[in-house]
N, C-alpha and C. Protein backbone atom coordinates (compact mmCIF):
# COMPACT_ATOMS: atom_id res chain seq x y z
N MET A 1 0.94 -1.41 0.13
CA MET A 1 0.04 -0.07 -0.08
C MET A 1 0.98 1.04 0.19
N ASP A 2 0.47 2.80 0.06
CA ASP A 2 0.95 3.94 0.14
C ASP A 2 0.81 4.39 1.31
N GLY A 3 0.70 3.87 2.57
CA GLY A 3 0.60 4.64 3.71
C GLY A 3 -0.51 4.48 4.16
N ARG A 4 -1.60 3.98 3.45
CA ARG A 4 -3.05 4.25 3.87
C ARG A 4 -3.15 3.24 4.66
N THR A 5 -4.29 3.59 5.63
CA THR A 5 -4.87 2.19 6.61
C THR A 5 -6.12 1.97 5.82
N VAL A 6 -6.31 0.72 5.66
CA VAL A 6 -7.56 0.03 4.89
C VAL A 6 -8.58 -0.28 6.16
N VAL A 7 -9.55 0.04 6.17
CA VAL A 7 -10.71 -0.12 6.88
C VAL A 7 -12.22 -0.80 6.12
N ALA A 8 -12.14 -2.09 6.17
CA ALA A 8 -13.51 -2.64 5.48
C ALA A 8 -14.59 -2.62 6.52
N VAL A 9 -15.93 -2.71 6.13
CA VAL A 9 -17.12 -2.72 7.12
C VAL A 9 -18.25 -3.58 6.46
N PHE A 10 -18.56 -4.21 6.95
CA PHE A 10 -19.77 -5.30 6.35
C PHE A 10 -21.03 -5.30 7.22
N THR A 11 -21.82 -5.62 6.56
CA THR A 11 -23.33 -5.57 7.40
C THR A 11 -23.90 -7.31 7.29
N VAL A 12 -23.52 -7.99 7.78
CA VAL A 12 -23.97 -9.53 7.80
C VAL A 12 -26.05 -9.73 8.43
N GLY A 13 -26.03 -8.81 8.97
CA GLY A 13 -27.33 -9.20 9.66
C GLY A 13 -28.59 -8.71 9.03
N ASP A 14 -29.91 -8.84 9.51
CA ASP A 14 -30.77 -8.28 8.34
C ASP A 14 -31.63 -6.64 8.95
N ALA A 15 -30.40 -5.99 9.41
CA ALA A 15 -30.67 -4.75 9.99
C ALA A 15 -29.42 -4.01 9.70
N PRO A 16 -29.69 -2.39 9.40
CA PRO A 16 -28.82 -1.56 8.91
C PRO A 16 -27.79 -1.62 9.97
N LEU A 17 -26.51 -0.95 9.53
CA LEU A 17 -25.58 -0.65 10.39
C LEU A 17 -25.05 0.59 10.72
N GLU A 18 -25.07 1.18 12.22
CA GLU A 18 -24.24 2.26 12.43
C GLU A 18 -23.35 1.99 13.46
N ILE A 19 -22.03 2.47 12.78
CA ILE A 19 -20.93 2.15 13.87
C ILE A 19 -19.93 3.35 13.80
N GLN A 20 -19.38 3.68 15.17
CA GLN A 20 -18.26 4.72 15.44
C GLN A 20 -16.90 4.03 16.00
N LEU A 21 -16.05 3.97 14.74
CA LEU A 21 -14.71 3.11 15.12
C LEU A 21 -13.77 4.51 15.50
N PRO A 22 -13.17 3.99 16.70
CA PRO A 22 -12.21 4.89 17.47
C PRO A 22 -11.00 4.80 16.56
N LEU A 23 -10.50 6.17 15.81
CA LEU A 23 -9.49 6.04 14.89
C LEU A 23 -8.26 5.41 15.85
N ARG A 24 -8.13 5.85 17.09
CA ARG A 24 -6.88 5.49 17.66
C ARG A 24 -6.75 3.59 18.03
N SER A 25 -7.98 3.19 17.93
CA SER A 25 -7.79 1.52 17.93
C SER A 25 -7.37 1.14 16.76
N ILE A 26 -7.05 1.74 15.52
CA ILE A 26 -6.31 1.01 14.71
C ILE A 26 -5.14 1.67 14.14
N GLY A 27 -4.82 2.55 15.37
CA GLY A 27 -3.36 3.11 14.85
C GLY A 27 -3.09 4.54 14.42
N LEU A 28 -4.49 5.31 14.14
CA LEU A 28 -4.58 6.38 13.38
C LEU A 28 -4.45 7.57 14.48
N THR A 29 -4.26 9.08 14.09
CA THR A 29 -4.41 10.16 14.94
C THR A 29 -6.10 10.14 14.86
N GLU A 30 -6.57 11.04 15.68
CA GLU A 30 -8.27 11.46 15.65
C GLU A 30 -8.29 12.58 14.68
N GLU A 31 -7.10 13.13 13.79
CA GLU A 31 -7.51 14.01 12.80
C GLU A 31 -7.22 12.93 11.25
N ALA A 32 -6.87 12.09 11.45
CA ALA A 32 -7.15 11.04 10.06
C ALA A 32 -8.46 11.63 8.97
N GLU A 33 -8.07 11.28 7.63
CA GLU A 33 -9.03 11.97 7.12
C GLU A 33 -8.98 10.65 5.91
N GLY A 34 -10.21 10.35 4.86
CA GLY A 34 -9.81 9.12 4.00
C GLY A 34 -10.86 9.36 3.05
N VAL A 35 -11.18 8.64 1.97
CA VAL A 35 -12.26 8.32 1.07
C VAL A 35 -12.68 6.80 1.28
N GLU A 36 -14.02 6.73 0.67
CA GLU A 36 -14.62 5.59 0.74
C GLU A 36 -13.80 5.10 -0.71
N ALA A 37 -13.70 3.84 -0.91
CA ALA A 37 -12.83 3.26 -2.28
C ALA A 37 -13.76 3.23 -3.31
N TRP A 38 -15.04 2.77 -3.08
CA TRP A 38 -16.55 2.31 -4.14
C TRP A 38 -16.95 3.77 -4.46
N THR A 39 -16.95 4.37 -3.52
CA THR A 39 -18.23 5.87 -4.09
C THR A 39 -17.14 7.00 -4.04
N GLY A 40 -15.84 6.83 -3.60
CA GLY A 40 -15.12 8.46 -3.78
C GLY A 40 -15.51 9.30 -2.79
N GLU A 41 -16.89 8.96 -1.78
CA GLU A 41 -17.11 10.29 -1.00
C GLU A 41 -15.49 10.10 0.26
N LYS A 42 -15.99 11.01 0.55
CA LYS A 42 -14.84 11.48 1.68
C LYS A 42 -15.55 10.74 3.18
N SER A 43 -14.56 10.23 3.54
CA SER A 43 -14.68 9.60 4.69
C SER A 43 -15.44 10.34 5.98
N ARG A 44 -16.22 10.21 6.66
CA ARG A 44 -17.24 10.97 7.78
C ARG A 44 -16.15 10.50 9.12
N VAL A 45 -15.51 11.50 9.57
CA VAL A 45 -14.79 11.31 11.03
C VAL A 45 -15.39 12.62 11.66
N VAL A 46 -15.66 12.00 13.13
CA VAL A 46 -16.58 12.64 13.82
C VAL A 46 -16.06 12.42 15.18
N ASP A 47 -15.45 13.38 16.04
CA ASP A 47 -14.79 13.21 17.18
C ASP A 47 -13.66 11.87 17.20
N GLY A 48 -12.87 11.97 16.68
CA GLY A 48 -11.85 11.22 16.03
C GLY A 48 -12.63 9.49 15.94
N ARG A 49 -13.39 9.36 15.52
CA ARG A 49 -14.14 8.12 15.18
C ARG A 49 -14.50 8.11 13.74
N LEU A 50 -14.44 6.93 12.94
CA LEU A 50 -14.92 6.92 11.65
C LEU A 50 -16.24 6.53 11.58
N ALA A 51 -17.00 7.31 11.18
CA ALA A 51 -18.53 7.17 11.23
C ALA A 51 -19.03 6.41 9.91
N VAL A 52 -19.41 5.46 10.28
CA VAL A 52 -20.17 4.48 9.02
C VAL A 52 -21.63 4.18 9.09
N SER A 53 -22.36 4.27 8.11
CA SER A 53 -23.60 3.94 8.05
C SER A 53 -23.99 3.22 6.78
N LEU A 54 -24.50 1.83 6.97
CA LEU A 54 -24.63 0.82 6.10
C LEU A 54 -25.99 0.18 6.00
N PRO A 55 -26.38 0.14 4.91
CA PRO A 55 -27.91 -0.52 4.47
C PRO A 55 -27.77 -2.24 4.73
N VAL A 56 -28.79 -2.72 4.85
CA VAL A 56 -28.97 -4.27 5.07
C VAL A 56 -27.86 -4.74 4.14
N HIS A 57 -26.88 -5.85 4.26
CA HIS A 57 -26.04 -6.26 3.13
C HIS A 57 -25.15 -5.42 2.82
N GLY A 58 -25.13 -4.39 3.42
CA GLY A 58 -23.92 -3.58 2.70
C GLY A 58 -22.64 -3.69 3.00
N ALA A 59 -22.09 -3.05 2.11
CA ALA A 59 -20.15 -2.73 2.54
C ALA A 59 -19.57 -1.51 2.40
N ALA A 60 -18.51 -0.92 2.58
CA ALA A 60 -17.86 -0.25 2.49
C ALA A 60 -16.16 -0.29 2.91
N LEU A 61 -15.50 0.34 2.13
CA LEU A 61 -13.88 0.38 1.95
C LEU A 61 -13.49 1.61 2.47
N HIS A 62 -13.05 1.99 3.47
CA HIS A 62 -12.51 3.21 3.67
C HIS A 62 -10.83 3.40 3.63
N MET A 63 -10.19 3.91 2.87
CA MET A 63 -8.70 4.32 2.79
C MET A 63 -8.39 5.33 3.53
N LEU A 64 -7.74 5.42 4.93
CA LEU A 64 -7.48 6.48 5.50
C LEU A 64 -6.01 6.88 6.07
N THR A 65 -5.83 8.09 5.82
CA THR A 65 -4.29 8.21 6.25
C THR A 65 -4.32 9.55 7.37
């Protein structure tokens, strides 16, 4: 890779998923930023956490620096 941290998130249940992943838990600073690989949308970082919302059986791949 090129110095980015890649985070994949999947929903495997029958309900949408809302998570707040602390960036420090994956070795990043609270100021990290990035993009979702498939949509090109900027990753949502709120209070030092990666905020991810997924529909049922959804997936996201965030590339963070």
